[in-house]
Amino acid sequence: QVQLVESGGGLVQPGGSLRLSCAASGTIFRIDAMGWYRQAPGKERELVARIISGSTTSYSDSVKGRFTISRDNAKNTAYLQMDSLKPEDTAVYYCYQMIWGVKYWGQGTQVTVSP
């Protein structure tokens, strides 16, 4: 059984930074991709960033240049460094990891950007 645990959300002022973590535990032989979605109230879930097979990354246009995704394969952990945060980044952030073709989800963490 695989479980993902997210951490790192919180309240930050505009222009500030946060770092999210997503750690997988259980029987894991290969992780094909890791990433984050976010969902703001009244909006659809949006793919924010992902990293696949090593170090290939992609970002939504709304966060490109401000967010950086990385992974530590030894720890089965993904990180999302979020800089220059804006109020419109406020959302619940959900991490995922594709493990042997199965998509596992974290529990979600609230990020609030407000003065």
C-alpha atoms as a PDB file:
ATOM      1  CA  GLN A   1       0.000   0.000   0.000  1.00  0.00           C
ATOM      2  CA  VAL A   2       1.327   3.410  -1.001  1.00  0.00           C
ATOM      3  CA  GLN A   3       0.589   6.587   0.914  1.00  0.00           C
ATOM      4  CA  LEU A   4       1.487  10.168   0.114  1.00  0.00           C
ATOM      5  CA  VAL A   5       1.888  12.768   2.849  1.00  0.00           C
ATOM      6  CA  GLU A   6       1.961  16.447   1.985  1.00  0.00           C
ATOM      7  CA  SER A   7       3.355  19.236   4.108  1.00  0.00           C
ATOM      8  CA  GLY A   8       4.388  22.856   3.871  1.00  0.00           C
ATOM      9  CA  GLY A   9       1.211  24.820   3.207  1.00  0.00           C
ATOM     10  CA  GLY A  10       0.137  27.861   5.170  1.00  0.00           C
ATOM     11  CA  LEU A  11      -0.525  31.588   5.135  1.00  0.00           C
ATOM     12  CA  VAL A  12       1.938  33.916   3.435  1.00  0.00           C
ATOM     13  CA  GLN A  13       1.928  37.536   2.304  1.00  0.00           C
ATOM     14  CA  PRO A  14       2.022  38.463  -1.381  1.00  0.00           C
ATOM     15  CA  GLY A  15       5.567  38.208  -2.682  1.00  0.00           C
ATOM     16  CA  GLY A  16       6.463  35.575  -0.132  1.00  0.00           C
ATOM     17  CA  SER A  17       7.558  31.968  -0.539  1.00  0.00           C
ATOM     18  CA  LEU A  18       6.466  28.519   0.541  1.00  0.00           C
ATOM     19  CA  ARG A  19       7.858  25.058  -0.064  1.00  0.00           C
ATOM     20  CA  LEU A  20       5.571  22.062  -0.356  1.00  0.00           C
ATOM     21  CA  SER A  21       6.734  18.488   0.144  1.00  0.00           C
ATOM     22  CA  CYS A  22       5.117  15.235  -0.928  1.00  0.00           C
ATOM     23  CA  ALA A  23       6.605  12.047   0.514  1.00  0.00           C
ATOM     24  CA  ALA A  24       5.602   8.565  -0.580  1.00  0.00           C
ATOM     25  CA  SER A  25       5.805   5.533   1.680  1.00  0.00           C
ATOM     26  CA  GLY A  26       5.100   1.861   1.153  1.00  0.00           C
ATOM     27  CA  THR A  27       6.238  -0.620  -1.450  1.00  0.00           C
ATOM     28  CA  ILE A  28       7.706   1.517  -4.238  1.00  0.00           C
ATOM     29  CA  PHE A  29       9.838   0.191  -7.071  1.00  0.00           C
ATOM     30  CA  ARG A  30       9.516   2.965  -9.592  1.00  0.00           C
ATOM     31  CA  ILE A  31       7.999   6.441  -9.649  1.00  0.00           C
ATOM     32  CA  ASP A  32       7.239   7.593 -13.176  1.00  0.00           C
ATOM     33  CA  ALA A  33       6.027  11.104 -12.449  1.00  0.00           C
ATOM     34  CA  MET A  34       5.317  13.496  -9.629  1.00  0.00           C
ATOM     35  CA  GLY A  35       3.388  16.711  -9.607  1.00  0.00           C
ATOM     36  CA  TRP A  36       0.892  19.094  -8.102  1.00  0.00           C
ATOM     37  CA  TYR A  37      -2.593  20.194  -8.942  1.00  0.00           C
ATOM     38  CA  ARG A  38      -4.412  23.000  -7.204  1.00  0.00           C
ATOM     39  CA  GLN A  39      -8.058  23.870  -6.774  1.00  0.00           C
ATOM     40  CA  ALA A  40      -9.412  27.233  -5.731  1.00  0.00           C
ATOM     41  CA  PRO A  41     -13.005  27.707  -4.560  1.00  0.00           C
ATOM     42  CA  GLY A  42     -15.383  27.689  -7.491  1.00  0.00           C
ATOM     43  CA  LYS A  43     -12.665  26.752  -9.978  1.00  0.00           C
ATOM     44  CA  GLU A  44     -11.616  23.558 -11.713  1.00  0.00           C
ATOM     45  CA  ARG A  45      -8.585  21.614 -10.606  1.00  0.00           C
ATOM     46  CA  GLU A  46      -5.485  22.896 -12.422  1.00  0.00           C
ATOM     47  CA  LEU A  47      -2.232  21.055 -13.118  1.00  0.00           C
ATOM     48  CA  VAL A  48       0.440  23.360 -11.732  1.00  0.00           C
ATOM     49  CA  ALA A  49       3.704  21.471 -12.208  1.00  0.00           C
ATOM     50  CA  ARG A  50       5.054  18.027 -12.904  1.00  0.00           C
ATOM     51  CA  ILE A  51       8.372  16.248 -13.157  1.00  0.00           C
ATOM     52  CA  ILE A  52       8.821  13.019 -15.092  1.00  0.00           C
ATOM     53  CA  SER A  53      11.494  10.370 -15.686  1.00  0.00           C
ATOM     54  CA  GLY A  54      14.377  12.139 -14.056  1.00  0.00           C
ATOM     55  CA  SER A  55      14.337  15.862 -14.424  1.00  0.00           C
ATOM     56  CA  THR A  56      11.951  16.805 -17.228  1.00  0.00           C
ATOM     57  CA  THR A  57       9.629  19.456 -15.861  1.00  0.00           C
ATOM     58  CA  SER A  58       6.605  21.370 -17.056  1.00  0.00           C
ATOM     59  CA  TYR A  59       4.554  24.179 -15.558  1.00  0.00           C
ATOM     60  CA  SER A  60       1.291  25.940 -16.117  1.00  0.00           C
ATOM     61  CA  ASP A  61       1.634  29.394 -17.630  1.00  0.00           C
ATOM     62  CA  SER A  62       0.236  30.924 -14.453  1.00  0.00           C
ATOM     63  CA  VAL A  63       3.209  29.770 -12.334  1.00  0.00           C
ATOM     64  CA  LYS A  64       6.043  29.530 -14.870  1.00  0.00           C
ATOM     65  CA  GLY A  65       9.093  31.410 -13.644  1.00  0.00           C
ATOM     66  CA  ARG A  66       7.832  31.518 -10.051  1.00  0.00           C
ATOM     67  CA  PHE A  67       7.423  27.860  -9.053  1.00  0.00           C
ATOM     68  CA  THR A  68      10.073  25.148  -9.216  1.00  0.00           C
ATOM     69  CA  ILE A  69       9.408  21.430  -8.897  1.00  0.00           C
ATOM     70  CA  SER A  70      12.127  18.972  -7.923  1.00  0.00           C
ATOM     71  CA  ARG A  71      12.416  15.412  -6.664  1.00  0.00           C
ATOM     72  CA  ASP A  72      14.601  13.354  -4.373  1.00  0.00           C
ATOM     73  CA  ASN A  73      14.442   9.802  -5.665  1.00  0.00           C
ATOM     74  CA  ALA A  74      16.211   8.377  -2.627  1.00  0.00           C
ATOM     75  CA  LYS A  75      13.474   9.765  -0.387  1.00  0.00           C
ATOM     76  CA  ASN A  76      10.555   9.221  -2.821  1.00  0.00           C
ATOM     77  CA  THR A  77       9.761  12.874  -2.268  1.00  0.00           C
ATOM     78  CA  ALA A  78       8.745  15.741  -4.517  1.00  0.00           C
ATOM     79  CA  TYR A  79       9.118  19.406  -3.676  1.00  0.00           C
ATOM     80  CA  LEU A  80       7.372  22.496  -4.978  1.00  0.00           C
ATOM     81  CA  GLN A  81       9.205  25.738  -4.277  1.00  0.00           C
ATOM     82  CA  MET A  82       6.761  28.599  -4.676  1.00  0.00           C
ATOM     83  CA  ASP A  83       8.215  32.118  -4.905  1.00  0.00           C
ATOM     84  CA  SER A  84       6.701  35.525  -5.639  1.00  0.00           C
ATOM     85  CA  LEU A  85       3.349  34.253  -4.475  1.00  0.00           C
ATOM     86  CA  LYS A  86       0.216  36.106  -5.507  1.00  0.00           C
ATOM     87  CA  PRO A  87      -3.282  36.145  -4.005  1.00  0.00           C
ATOM     88  CA  GLU A  88      -4.496  34.188  -7.037  1.00  0.00           C
ATOM     89  CA  ASP A  89      -2.232  31.306  -5.989  1.00  0.00           C
ATOM     90  CA  THR A  90      -4.559  30.719  -3.046  1.00  0.00           C
ATOM     91  CA  ALA A  91      -5.906  27.172  -3.322  1.00  0.00           C
ATOM     92  CA  VAL A  92      -5.721  23.670  -1.946  1.00  0.00           C
ATOM     93  CA  TYR A  93      -2.675  22.005  -3.463  1.00  0.00           C
ATOM     94  CA  TYR A  94      -2.768  18.255  -4.133  1.00  0.00           C
ATOM     95  CA  CYS A  95       0.335  16.285  -4.955  1.00  0.00           C
ATOM     96  CA  TYR A  96       0.349  13.071  -6.927  1.00  0.00           C
ATOM     97  CA  GLN A  97       2.829  10.394  -7.823  1.00  0.00           C
ATOM     98  CA  MET A  98       2.519   7.895 -10.681  1.00  0.00           C
ATOM     99  CA  ILE A  99       3.845   4.611  -9.312  1.00  0.00           C
ATOM    100  CA  TRP A 100       3.787   1.608 -11.615  1.00  0.00           C
ATOM    101  CA  GLY A 101       1.051   3.219 -13.662  1.00  0.00           C
ATOM    102  CA  VAL A 102      -1.180   4.015 -10.685  1.00  0.00           C
ATOM    103  CA  LYS A 103      -1.844   7.607  -9.645  1.00  0.00           C
ATOM    104  CA  TYR A 104      -1.687   8.185  -5.915  1.00  0.00           C
ATOM    105  CA  TRP A 105      -2.823  11.390  -4.246  1.00  0.00           C
ATOM    106  CA  GLY A 106      -1.787  13.365  -1.225  1.00  0.00           C
ATOM    107  CA  GLN A 107      -4.330  14.655   1.277  1.00  0.00           C
ATOM    108  CA  GLY A 108      -4.100  18.249   0.065  1.00  0.00           C
ATOM    109  CA  THR A 109      -2.631  21.285   1.772  1.00  0.00           C
ATOM    110  CA  GLN A 110      -4.059  24.801   1.944  1.00  0.00           C
ATOM    111  CA  VAL A 111      -2.005  27.681   0.599  1.00  0.00           C
ATOM    112  CA  THR A 112      -3.360  31.140   1.358  1.00  0.00           C
ATOM    113  CA  VAL A 113      -1.716  34.283  -0.007  1.00  0.00           C
ATOM    114  CA  SER A 114      -3.078  37.365   1.714  1.00  0.00           C
ATOM    115  CA  PRO A 115      -1.781  40.673   3.130  1.00  0.00           C
END
